[in-house]
Amino acid sequence: MSILNPWQELFEYSKKCATDSFDDNPIALEYAAVSADYQNKRLSTGIAAISELLDDAIGADRVEDFVAVQICGLLASITGLSLHLAALSSDANSKLAKIIAPRRLTPPATFSHPLILG
């Protein structure tokens, strides 16, 4: 049995959304939204931690300029991925809302029995 890789699933979801071949399965949409949001929060925490470490290291003059520039480039790339995850989460939540909204507006089915007069 293989363990599910949330990153791979998010990349697959992203590809399906780009080609509009994603079925409107509410469970899959909710999973994509929650997973993207969770991974985005993890990335944001990492970005903040690396930025703080870099700032302290530069302040103590322990990092060469070239290394600092390379780390900033890495942070910019990670930030781009974070933005992509936020867009995925928003897209999945939007599609999920469009599926759920009509269900809430549909009146419940009524049953009338021929022997019971209303």
C-alpha atoms as a PDB file:
ATOM      1  CA  MET A   1       0.000   0.000   0.000  1.00  0.00           C
ATOM      2  CA  SER A   2       1.478   3.339  -0.991  1.00  0.00           C
ATOM      3  CA  ILE A   3       1.291   6.393   1.221  1.00  0.00           C
ATOM      4  CA  LEU A   4      -0.496   9.354  -0.305  1.00  0.00           C
ATOM      5  CA  ASN A   5       1.784  12.254  -1.125  1.00  0.00           C
ATOM      6  CA  PRO A   6      -0.142  15.506  -0.581  1.00  0.00           C
ATOM      7  CA  TRP A   7       2.246  17.485  -2.792  1.00  0.00           C
ATOM      8  CA  GLN A   8       1.773  15.104  -5.708  1.00  0.00           C
ATOM      9  CA  GLU A   9      -1.994  15.248  -5.283  1.00  0.00           C
ATOM     10  CA  LEU A  10      -1.913  19.054  -5.253  1.00  0.00           C
ATOM     11  CA  PHE A  11       0.164  19.099  -8.430  1.00  0.00           C
ATOM     12  CA  GLU A  12      -2.292  16.693 -10.079  1.00  0.00           C
ATOM     13  CA  TYR A  13      -5.217  18.873  -8.970  1.00  0.00           C
ATOM     14  CA  SER A  14      -3.442  21.928 -10.386  1.00  0.00           C
ATOM     15  CA  LYS A  15      -2.944  20.204 -13.750  1.00  0.00           C
ATOM     16  CA  LYS A  16      -6.580  19.111 -13.880  1.00  0.00           C
ATOM     17  CA  CYS A  17      -7.783  22.628 -13.045  1.00  0.00           C
ATOM     18  CA  ALA A  18      -5.597  24.115 -15.773  1.00  0.00           C
ATOM     19  CA  THR A  19      -7.227  21.869 -18.360  1.00  0.00           C
ATOM     20  CA  ASP A  20     -10.732  22.069 -16.819  1.00  0.00           C
ATOM     21  CA  SER A  21     -10.824  18.277 -16.647  1.00  0.00           C
ATOM     22  CA  PHE A  22     -11.510  18.164 -12.918  1.00  0.00           C
ATOM     23  CA  ASP A  23     -14.760  16.540 -11.960  1.00  0.00           C
ATOM     24  CA  ASP A  24     -16.813  18.448  -9.419  1.00  0.00           C
ATOM     25  CA  ASN A  25     -16.494  15.887  -6.659  1.00  0.00           C
ATOM     26  CA  PRO A  26     -17.162  17.740  -3.376  1.00  0.00           C
ATOM     27  CA  ILE A  27     -14.958  15.424  -1.321  1.00  0.00           C
ATOM     28  CA  ALA A  28     -12.008  15.833  -3.690  1.00  0.00           C
ATOM     29  CA  LEU A  29     -12.512  19.601  -3.828  1.00  0.00           C
ATOM     30  CA  GLU A  30     -12.657  19.882  -0.051  1.00  0.00           C
ATOM     31  CA  TYR A  31      -9.531  17.738   0.289  1.00  0.00           C
ATOM     32  CA  ALA A  32      -7.701  19.895  -2.270  1.00  0.00           C
ATOM     33  CA  ALA A  33      -8.706  23.111  -0.492  1.00  0.00           C
ATOM     34  CA  VAL A  34      -7.721  21.872   2.965  1.00  0.00           C
ATOM     35  CA  SER A  35      -4.498  20.269   1.747  1.00  0.00           C
ATOM     36  CA  ALA A  36      -3.412  23.374  -0.188  1.00  0.00           C
ATOM     37  CA  ASP A  37      -4.200  25.594   2.775  1.00  0.00           C
ATOM     38  CA  TYR A  38      -2.288  23.334   5.176  1.00  0.00           C
ATOM     39  CA  GLN A  39       0.790  23.088   2.941  1.00  0.00           C
ATOM     40  CA  ASN A  40       0.660  26.847   2.371  1.00  0.00           C
ATOM     41  CA  LYS A  41       0.727  27.472   6.122  1.00  0.00           C
ATOM     42  CA  ARG A  42       3.710  25.145   6.445  1.00  0.00           C
ATOM     43  CA  LEU A  43       5.546  26.994   3.680  1.00  0.00           C
ATOM     44  CA  SER A  44       4.740  30.372   5.207  1.00  0.00           C
ATOM     45  CA  THR A  45       6.155  29.274   8.542  1.00  0.00           C
ATOM     46  CA  GLY A  46       9.330  28.072   6.821  1.00  0.00           C
ATOM     47  CA  ILE A  47       9.675  31.322   4.883  1.00  0.00           C
ATOM     48  CA  ALA A  48       9.348  33.339   8.079  1.00  0.00           C
ATOM     49  CA  ALA A  49      11.878  31.159   9.907  1.00  0.00           C
ATOM     50  CA  ILE A  50      14.460  31.277   7.120  1.00  0.00           C
ATOM     51  CA  SER A  51      13.986  35.036   6.737  1.00  0.00           C
ATOM     52  CA  GLU A  52      14.534  35.596  10.448  1.00  0.00           C
ATOM     53  CA  LEU A  53      17.651  33.412  10.487  1.00  0.00           C
ATOM     54  CA  LEU A  54      19.014  35.188   7.432  1.00  0.00           C
ATOM     55  CA  ASP A  55      18.343  38.584   8.958  1.00  0.00           C
ATOM     56  CA  ASP A  56      20.160  37.626  12.173  1.00  0.00           C
ATOM     57  CA  ALA A  57      23.086  36.130  10.252  1.00  0.00           C
ATOM     58  CA  ILE A  58      23.433  39.224   8.065  1.00  0.00           C
ATOM     59  CA  GLY A  59      23.195  41.451  11.139  1.00  0.00           C
ATOM     60  CA  ALA A  60      26.063  39.513  12.744  1.00  0.00           C
ATOM     61  CA  ASP A  61      28.043  39.704   9.473  1.00  0.00           C
ATOM     62  CA  ARG A  62      28.156  35.908   9.175  1.00  0.00           C
ATOM     63  CA  VAL A  63      26.836  35.565   5.639  1.00  0.00           C
ATOM     64  CA  GLU A  64      28.539  36.484   2.404  1.00  0.00           C
ATOM     65  CA  ASP A  65      26.582  38.657  -0.002  1.00  0.00           C
ATOM     66  CA  PHE A  66      26.485  35.947  -2.675  1.00  0.00           C
ATOM     67  CA  VAL A  67      24.955  33.442  -0.248  1.00  0.00           C
ATOM     68  CA  ALA A  68      22.410  35.988   0.982  1.00  0.00           C
ATOM     69  CA  VAL A  69      21.341  36.710  -2.615  1.00  0.00           C
ATOM     70  CA  GLN A  70      20.965  32.987  -3.342  1.00  0.00           C
ATOM     71  CA  ILE A  71      18.876  32.480  -0.198  1.00  0.00           C
ATOM     72  CA  CYS A  72      16.680  35.430  -1.142  1.00  0.00           C
ATOM     73  CA  GLY A  73      16.157  33.843  -4.572  1.00  0.00           C
ATOM     74  CA  LEU A  74      15.139  30.609  -2.885  1.00  0.00           C
ATOM     75  CA  LEU A  75      12.707  32.494  -0.643  1.00  0.00           C
ATOM     76  CA  ALA A  76      11.221  34.220  -3.694  1.00  0.00           C
ATOM     77  CA  SER A  77      10.650  30.835  -5.370  1.00  0.00           C
ATOM     78  CA  ILE A  78       9.056  29.389  -2.238  1.00  0.00           C
ATOM     79  CA  THR A  79       6.863  32.479  -1.980  1.00  0.00           C
ATOM     80  CA  GLY A  80       5.706  31.878  -5.558  1.00  0.00           C
ATOM     81  CA  LEU A  81       4.756  28.322  -4.640  1.00  0.00           C
ATOM     82  CA  SER A  82       2.928  29.653  -1.597  1.00  0.00           C
ATOM     83  CA  LEU A  83       0.925  32.021  -3.805  1.00  0.00           C
ATOM     84  CA  HIS A  84       0.087  29.145  -6.141  1.00  0.00           C
ATOM     85  CA  LEU A  85      -1.156  27.073  -3.190  1.00  0.00           C
ATOM     86  CA  ALA A  86      -3.308  29.974  -2.006  1.00  0.00           C
ATOM     87  CA  ALA A  87      -4.828  30.221  -5.492  1.00  0.00           C
ATOM     88  CA  LEU A  88      -5.474  26.459  -5.560  1.00  0.00           C
ATOM     89  CA  SER A  89      -7.191  26.593  -2.182  1.00  0.00           C
ATOM     90  CA  SER A  90      -9.297  29.567  -3.253  1.00  0.00           C
ATOM     91  CA  ASP A  91     -10.242  27.879  -6.541  1.00  0.00           C
ATOM     92  CA  ALA A  92     -11.233  24.639  -4.839  1.00  0.00           C
ATOM     93  CA  ASN A  93     -13.269  26.505  -2.203  1.00  0.00           C
ATOM     94  CA  SER A  94     -14.998  28.521  -4.923  1.00  0.00           C
ATOM     95  CA  LYS A  95     -15.934  25.395  -6.896  1.00  0.00           C
ATOM     96  CA  LEU A  96     -17.091  23.690  -3.706  1.00  0.00           C
ATOM     97  CA  ALA A  97     -19.304  26.658  -2.821  1.00  0.00           C
ATOM     98  CA  LYS A  98     -20.907  26.527  -6.281  1.00  0.00           C
ATOM     99  CA  ILE A  99     -21.732  22.858  -5.755  1.00  0.00           C
ATOM    100  CA  ILE A 100     -23.074  23.229  -2.231  1.00  0.00           C
ATOM    101  CA  ALA A 101     -25.080  26.458  -2.735  1.00  0.00           C
ATOM    102  CA  PRO A 102     -27.765  24.908  -5.009  1.00  0.00           C
ATOM    103  CA  ARG A 103     -28.220  22.062  -2.538  1.00  0.00           C
ATOM    104  CA  ARG A 104     -29.038  24.532   0.241  1.00  0.00           C
ATOM    105  CA  LEU A 105     -31.569  26.357  -1.933  1.00  0.00           C
ATOM    106  CA  THR A 106     -33.395  23.236  -3.067  1.00  0.00           C
ATOM    107  CA  PRO A 107     -36.500  22.765  -0.924  1.00  0.00           C
ATOM    108  CA  PRO A 108     -36.841  19.415   0.782  1.00  0.00           C
ATOM    109  CA  ALA A 109     -39.001  16.860  -0.958  1.00  0.00           C
ATOM    110  CA  THR A 110     -42.546  16.731   0.333  1.00  0.00           C
ATOM    111  CA  PHE A 111     -44.612  13.640   0.595  1.00  0.00           C
ATOM    112  CA  SER A 112     -48.353  13.700   0.295  1.00  0.00           C
ATOM    113  CA  HIS A 113     -50.398  10.699   1.217  1.00  0.00           C
ATOM    114  CA  PRO A 114     -53.707  10.228  -0.627  1.00  0.00           C
ATOM    115  CA  LEU A 115     -55.571   9.531   2.623  1.00  0.00           C
ATOM    116  CA  ILE A 116     -54.254  12.602   4.456  1.00  0.00           C
ATOM    117  CA  LEU A 117     -55.876  15.815   3.359  1.00  0.00           C
ATOM    118  CA  GLY A 118     -53.857  18.940   3.954  1.00  0.00           C
END
